Structure formats: C-alpha cells, structure tokens
C-alpha cells in the first residue's frame, strides 16, 4: 500500500475516533445537564413542602408529605385551599396540569401526625380540594403548573395566593394571606382582607380587559415598566404614598407629605384599566427596570 493511502486511512480513522469521542461528550453533557436540572427541581419542590413545621409555637410535631398528580388541561382550573392552605399557580408551555400538593399534619407524636396525613384525601374534579376526617390538625397547600392560557378560580382562607405567567379569566380571594401577581393577563379580579398585594406588570401594555385587585389591610407594591401604557388607579385611605415614576406621583404639602393618597392617571397615553387599591396600608410604585438593576 502506498504511503499516501496509508496516511489517508490513518486520518480517516483519527477523525472517526475524534467524532465518536465528541458525540459521547455531547451526549454525556446533555445527560449530566438533564440530571442536574431534575436534581435542582427535586430540591426546589422539596423546599416547597418543608417550610411549615410548627403549630402555633406549641410542642406538637408535624409531618409533611408531597403528592403529585397530572391532570388533563381543560382550559379551566378551580382550586380551594381550604382553611389553612396557600395556592401558587405558574403558567408554562405545556399541554397538561401538574399539581403538587403539600399535605402537612400535626399531632402529639410522629405516628399520630403521619396517621392523620393518611386520612387526608385530595379530589381533582370538578375542583381541586382536600378533605379530612376532621377540620383540625392539617392543611394542604398547592403548587400548580398549568398551560399559560387557563382560566382560574382560586379561594383560600389562611393562606396566600400567587399567580405567574397566566393569561385568562382569573378570579381569586383569600381572607388572611398576601397576593402576588407576576406577568399575568386577561380579565383579572381578586381581593384579600388581611394581606399585602404585590403586582409586577410586564411588556408594554396589558394583555386583556384589565386588572382589579384590592386589600383591606395590607400594603400595595406595584412594579411597572417605563414604557407601559395603561390607565392606573391606586390609592389608600390610611397609609403613605410613594412613587418612583414621576407621572404617577401625587402632590405633597410644605412638609413633604402627600396631599392625596389616591391616584387615577393615564400612563404613556393610557390603555387597559389597572386598579390596585388598599384601605389600610401604604402604596409603593416602582419602575420595573430600576427594580431589576
């Protein structure tokens, strides 16, 4: 065999070996990244179900158990957090609904708390709701991943409500708990009695007919992009008023105190109505760009 042919054969063999090594490395890297992502997700979801481990400061012991279930997406989702559960819904590009339910129970012994957890049943139709043998000693909180275009009806009593990246007809109400809304759209209405309200608007205009959220006892934090166009209504009866956006500020007196604690203004030419009000609590309006820097 000629020397040139031997060299050509050697080069081809070397290239084949290099390609095999490269492909293996890429596949190994992808597999490692996927494993790392799954491990990170498991830690995150474990944290979701491990933050509540006391019972009014008493010596009762608690037991936590996370249950997962996948439901078909129907475009509508109704969730009842019960007496002591919170609800968090996040929209994703997916075709089903993933429900993570954190069941927490309390008892005088570990065995009693664990036994009580086994009596808690979670139904998913027509509403996601938990029921137990008694109304005392347990709670169920929910973390739900749903399609971005989903109508929601959420209720709680002693628990917060959080919604992110969902567009639809969103209705929610809680008595003792905060409300957090981030990157939502559609026809959104909700309220809390005792809890703060945090709203983060995204994009340059509201997607849908508008937003109407109120609290009786709690502060309001409203984050708005600088180029956002909307009709903004906010205010308080008993509380201060501060705005980082000049066009959404109120006049102040000679002592630098707000002359009024209500605001109704067209921002960047106006648009969909954005109403976030409180009765007893302060108002703080911030620029989304500044808060992320």
Protein backbone atom coordinates (compact mmCIF):
# COMPACT_ATOMS: atom_id res chain seq x y z
CA UNK A 1 0.00 0.00 0.00
CA UNK A 2 1.29 3.42 -0.93
CA UNK A 3 2.37 5.85 1.79
CA UNK A 4 -0.30 8.40 0.71
CA UNK A 5 -3.03 5.80 1.04
CA UNK A 6 -1.79 4.82 4.50
CA UNK A 7 -1.80 8.46 5.58
CA UNK A 8 -5.34 8.95 4.21
CA UNK A 9 -6.55 5.83 6.04
CA UNK A 10 -4.92 6.99 9.27
CA UNK A 11 -6.54 10.42 9.00
CA UNK A 12 -9.99 8.91 8.42
CA UNK A 13 -9.55 6.61 11.42
CA UNK A 14 -8.42 9.50 13.60
CA UNK A 15 -11.39 11.61 12.51
CA UNK A 16 -13.80 8.75 13.25
CA UNK A 17 -12.34 8.30 16.73
CA UNK A 18 -12.49 12.06 17.40
CA UNK A 19 -16.10 12.23 16.21
CA UNK A 20 -17.04 9.34 18.49
CA UNK A 21 -15.37 10.99 21.47
CA UNK A 22 -17.05 14.33 20.70
CA UNK A 23 -20.50 12.74 20.31
CA UNK A 24 -20.08 10.84 23.56
CA UNK A 25 -19.02 14.03 25.33
CA UNK A 26 -22.02 15.92 23.99
CA UNK A 27 -24.44 13.17 24.98
CA UNK A 28 -22.79 12.89 28.40
CA UNK A 29 -23.03 16.66 28.81
CA UNK A 30 -26.71 16.66 27.89
CA UNK A 31 -27.41 13.76 30.24
CA UNK A 32 -25.49 15.48 33.04
CA UNK A 33 -27.38 18.74 32.47
CA UNK A 34 -30.72 16.91 32.47
CA UNK A 35 -29.81 15.10 35.70
CA UNK A 36 -28.67 18.36 37.28
CA UNK A 37 -31.91 20.06 36.23
CA UNK A 38 -34.01 17.24 37.67
CA UNK A 39 -32.00 17.26 40.88
CA UNK A 40 -32.40 21.02 41.20
CA UNK A 41 -36.15 20.69 40.58
CA UNK A 42 -36.44 18.00 43.26
CA UNK A 43 -34.67 20.23 45.77
CA UNK A 44 -36.89 23.17 44.85
CA UNK A 45 -40.09 21.17 45.17
CA UNK A 46 -38.89 19.60 48.40
CA UNK A 47 -38.39 23.11 49.78
CA UNK A 48 -41.97 23.94 48.77
CA UNK A 49 -43.16 21.21 51.12
CA UNK A 50 -40.75 21.72 54.00
CA UNK A 51 -41.21 25.33 55.09
CA UNK A 52 -44.11 24.87 57.52
CA UNK A 53 -43.09 22.83 60.52
CA UNK A 54 -44.61 24.46 63.56
CA UNK A 55 -48.04 24.57 65.11
CA UNK A 56 -48.61 27.92 66.78
CA UNK A 57 -45.34 27.60 68.67
CA UNK A 58 -46.54 24.54 70.61
CA UNK A 59 -44.71 21.29 71.19
CA UNK A 60 -46.79 19.37 68.65
CA UNK A 61 -44.83 17.57 65.95
CA UNK A 62 -45.51 17.89 62.24
CA UNK A 63 -45.45 15.56 59.27
CA UNK A 64 -45.08 16.69 55.64
CA UNK A 65 -45.97 14.71 52.56
CA UNK A 66 -45.89 15.91 48.97
CA UNK A 67 -48.25 14.32 46.45
CA UNK A 68 -48.09 14.80 42.70
CA UNK A 69 -50.79 14.28 40.13
CA UNK A 70 -51.12 15.10 36.44
CA UNK A 71 -54.47 16.25 35.07
CA UNK A 72 -55.69 16.87 31.52
CA UNK A 73 -55.81 20.54 30.57
CA UNK A 74 -59.39 21.72 30.08
CA UNK A 75 -58.79 25.46 30.00
CA UNK A 76 -60.38 25.91 33.44
CA UNK A 77 -58.92 25.32 36.88
CA UNK A 78 -60.67 25.71 40.24
CA UNK A 79 -58.72 25.33 43.50
CA UNK A 80 -59.88 25.57 47.11
CA UNK A 81 -57.01 25.98 49.57
CA UNK A 82 -59.28 25.18 52.50
CA UNK A 83 -58.84 26.64 55.94
CA UNK A 84 -55.03 26.82 56.10
CA UNK A 85 -53.60 26.22 52.64
CA UNK A 86 -51.98 28.55 50.13
CA UNK A 87 -52.09 28.34 46.33
CA UNK A 88 -49.41 29.07 43.75
CA UNK A 89 -50.10 28.71 40.02
CA UNK A 90 -47.47 29.15 37.33
CA UNK A 91 -48.16 29.13 33.60
CA UNK A 92 -45.92 27.16 31.27
CA UNK A 93 -45.81 25.97 27.66
CA UNK A 94 -47.40 22.60 28.43
CA UNK A 95 -50.45 20.56 27.47
CA UNK A 96 -51.40 19.21 30.90
CA UNK A 97 -51.70 20.35 34.51
CA UNK A 98 -49.20 19.24 37.13
CA UNK A 99 -50.47 19.51 40.71
CA UNK A 100 -48.12 19.34 43.67
CA UNK A 101 -50.00 19.13 46.94
CA UNK A 102 -48.13 19.58 50.21
CA UNK A 103 -50.04 17.77 52.94
CA UNK A 104 -49.00 18.86 56.43
CA UNK A 105 -50.35 17.43 59.65
CA UNK A 106 -49.70 17.92 63.36
CA UNK A 107 -50.00 15.60 66.32
CA UNK A 108 -48.68 14.84 69.76
CA UNK A 109 -46.47 12.09 68.27
CA UNK A 110 -44.91 11.35 64.90
CA UNK A 111 -47.20 8.36 64.47
CA UNK A 112 -50.30 10.42 65.16
CA UNK A 113 -49.27 13.13 62.67
CA UNK A 114 -48.46 10.54 59.98
CA UNK A 115 -51.74 8.70 60.57
CA UNK A 116 -53.67 11.93 60.18
CA UNK A 117 -51.97 12.57 56.81
CA UNK A 118 -53.24 9.22 55.52
CA UNK A 119 -56.81 10.36 56.20
CA UNK A 120 -56.48 13.46 54.01
CA UNK A 121 -57.97 12.93 50.56
CA UNK A 122 -57.47 15.23 47.58
CA UNK A 123 -60.11 15.38 44.87
CA UNK A 124 -59.45 16.95 41.47
CA UNK A 125 -62.88 17.13 39.84
CA UNK A 126 -64.70 19.40 39.44
CA UNK A 127 -62.41 21.28 41.86
CA UNK A 128 -59.00 20.62 43.39
CA UNK A 129 -59.80 20.32 47.07
CA UNK A 130 -58.69 18.41 50.15
CA UNK A 131 -60.89 16.78 52.77
CA UNK A 132 -60.01 15.07 56.03
CA UNK A 133 -61.62 13.11 58.81
CA UNK A 134 -61.70 16.33 60.85
CA UNK A 135 -61.15 20.01 60.16
CA UNK A 136 -58.33 20.36 62.68
CA UNK A 137 -54.66 19.45 62.63
CA UNK A 138 -53.90 19.52 58.90
CA UNK A 139 -53.51 21.74 55.87
CA UNK A 140 -52.84 21.31 52.16
CA UNK A 141 -51.03 23.91 50.04
CA UNK A 142 -50.74 23.69 46.27
CA UNK A 143 -48.11 24.42 43.65
CA UNK A 144 -49.62 24.03 40.19
CA UNK A 145 -48.05 24.19 36.74
CA UNK A 146 -50.65 24.81 34.04
CA UNK A 147 -50.89 25.98 30.41
CA UNK A 148 -50.41 29.73 30.08
CA UNK A 149 -53.93 30.22 28.72
CA UNK A 150 -56.00 28.93 31.62
CA UNK A 151 -59.00 30.38 33.46
CA UNK A 152 -58.51 30.26 37.23
CA UNK A 153 -60.80 30.39 40.23
CA UNK A 154 -58.79 30.27 43.46
CA UNK A 155 -60.03 30.53 47.05
CA UNK A 156 -58.20 30.35 50.36
CA UNK A 157 -58.76 31.38 53.96
CA UNK A 158 -55.50 31.41 55.91
CA UNK A 159 -53.09 31.25 53.00
CA UNK A 160 -51.57 33.35 50.26
CA UNK A 161 -52.31 33.27 46.54
CA UNK A 162 -49.64 33.61 43.87
CA UNK A 163 -50.15 33.59 40.08
CA UNK A 164 -47.43 33.93 37.47
CA UNK A 165 -47.37 33.87 33.65
CA UNK A 166 -51.06 33.02 33.20
CA UNK A 167 -53.50 34.73 30.82
CA UNK A 168 -57.22 34.17 31.23
CA UNK A 169 -60.22 34.91 33.35
CA UNK A 170 -58.58 34.92 36.78
CA UNK A 171 -60.68 35.17 39.95
CA UNK A 172 -59.22 34.77 43.42
CA UNK A 173 -59.98 35.55 47.05
CA UNK A 174 -58.33 34.93 50.42
CA UNK A 175 -59.02 36.23 53.91
CA UNK A 176 -55.66 36.09 55.69
CA UNK A 177 -52.90 35.96 53.15
CA UNK A 178 -50.94 38.01 50.66
CA UNK A 179 -51.48 38.19 46.91
CA UNK A 180 -48.68 38.08 44.33
CA UNK A 181 -49.24 38.58 40.59
CA UNK A 182 -46.45 38.50 38.04
CA UNK A 183 -46.72 38.59 34.25
CA UNK A 184 -50.44 37.86 34.19
CA UNK A 185 -53.07 39.00 31.69
CA UNK A 186 -56.72 38.71 30.73
CA UNK A 187 -59.67 39.65 32.93
CA UNK A 188 -58.18 39.56 36.43
CA UNK A 189 -60.14 40.25 39.61
CA UNK A 190 -59.34 39.40 43.21
CA UNK A 191 -59.07 40.50 46.80
CA UNK A 192 -57.69 39.76 50.23
CA UNK A 193 -58.83 41.05 53.59
CA UNK A 194 -55.62 40.85 55.62
CA UNK A 195 -52.58 40.73 53.40
CA UNK A 196 -50.35 42.75 51.12
CA UNK A 197 -50.63 42.89 47.33
CA UNK A 198 -47.63 42.68 45.00
CA UNK A 199 -48.21 43.21 41.28
CA UNK A 200 -45.44 43.09 38.66
CA UNK A 201 -46.55 44.21 35.19
CA UNK A 202 -44.60 43.11 32.13
CA UNK A 203 -44.39 44.11 28.47
CA UNK A 204 -45.63 47.49 27.28
CA UNK A 205 -49.41 47.05 27.77
CA UNK A 206 -51.96 44.82 29.47
CA UNK A 207 -52.95 41.65 27.62
CA UNK A 208 -56.73 41.55 28.03
CA UNK A 209 -59.51 43.64 29.54
CA UNK A 210 -57.85 44.73 32.78
CA UNK A 211 -56.85 44.18 36.40
CA UNK A 212 -58.80 44.89 39.60
CA UNK A 213 -57.21 43.83 42.91
CA UNK A 214 -57.87 45.14 46.41
CA UNK A 215 -56.92 44.54 50.01
CA UNK A 216 -58.48 45.89 53.18
CA UNK A 217 -55.46 45.64 55.49
CA UNK A 218 -52.16 45.49 53.71
CA UNK A 219 -49.71 47.45 51.63
CA UNK A 220 -49.57 47.63 47.83
CA UNK A 221 -46.40 47.24 45.75
CA UNK A 222 -46.88 47.93 42.04
CA UNK A 223 -43.99 47.43 39.62
CA UNK A 224 -44.45 48.96 36.13
CA UNK A 225 -42.13 49.04 33.08
CA UNK A 226 -41.20 52.58 32.00
CA UNK A 227 -42.90 52.26 28.59
CA UNK A 228 -46.09 50.68 29.92
CA UNK A 229 -49.36 52.15 28.61
CA UNK A 230 -52.41 51.87 30.89
CA UNK A 231 -54.95 53.73 32.99
CA UNK A 232 -53.56 53.35 36.50
CA UNK A 233 -55.81 53.61 39.55
CA UNK A 234 -54.42 53.12 43.03
CA UNK A 235 -54.85 54.59 46.47
CA UNK A 236 -55.25 54.11 50.20
CA UNK A 237 -57.38 55.56 52.99
CA UNK A 238 -54.87 55.11 55.82
CA UNK A 239 -51.31 54.90 54.60
CA UNK A 240 -48.46 56.62 52.83
CA UNK A 241 -47.85 57.01 49.11
CA UNK A 242 -44.52 56.74 47.31
CA UNK A 243 -43.78 56.50 43.61
CA UNK A 244 -40.51 56.21 41.68
CA UNK A 245 -42.36 57.13 38.47
CA UNK A 246 -42.80 60.90 38.15
CA UNK A 247 -46.02 60.74 36.14
CA UNK A 248 -47.58 58.56 38.84
CA UNK A 249 -46.73 60.75 41.80
CA UNK A 250 -49.10 62.79 43.97
CA UNK A 251 -48.68 66.37 45.14
CA UNK A 252 -47.03 66.97 48.51
CA UNK A 253 -47.54 69.71 51.07
CA UNK A 254 -44.96 72.01 52.62
CA UNK A 255 -43.93 69.19 54.98
CA UNK A 256 -43.32 66.82 52.06
CA UNK A 257 -46.41 64.80 52.92
CA UNK A 258 -48.80 63.57 50.20
CA UNK A 259 -51.76 65.92 49.73
CA UNK A 260 -53.75 62.96 48.42
CA UNK A 261 -53.41 59.22 48.70
CA UNK A 262 -55.38 58.35 45.60
CA UNK A 263 -54.23 58.37 42.00
CA UNK A 264 -56.03 57.93 38.68
CA UNK A 265 -53.80 58.67 35.72
CA UNK A 266 -53.24 57.73 32.08
CA UNK A 267 -49.71 56.38 31.77
CA UNK A 268 -47.99 56.72 28.39
CA UNK A 269 -51.26 57.64 26.67
CA UNK A 270 -53.45 55.27 28.66
CA UNK A 271 -54.80 51.82 27.98
CA UNK A 272 -56.49 49.00 29.84
CA UNK A 273 -57.56 49.76 33.44
CA UNK A 274 -55.09 48.67 36.12
CA UNK A 275 -56.67 49.09 39.57
CA UNK A 276 -54.79 48.10 42.74
CA UNK A 277 -56.08 49.67 45.97
CA UNK A 278 -55.95 49.26 49.75
CA UNK A 279 -57.82 50.69 52.71
CA UNK A 280 -55.23 50.39 55.47
CA UNK A 281 -51.74 50.25 54.05
CA UNK A 282 -49.13 52.14 52.10
CA UNK A 283 -48.75 52.43 48.34
CA UNK A 284 -45.39 52.00 46.62
CA UNK A 285 -44.99 52.28 42.85
CA UNK A 286 -41.65 51.32 41.32
CA UNK A 287 -40.13 51.11 37.87
CA UNK A 288 -39.63 47.52 36.75
CA UNK A 289 -36.34 48.50 35.08
CA UNK A 290 -34.95 50.02 38.26
CA UNK A 291 -36.00 47.12 40.44
CA UNK A 292 -34.13 44.64 38.23
CA UNK A 293 -30.91 46.65 38.09
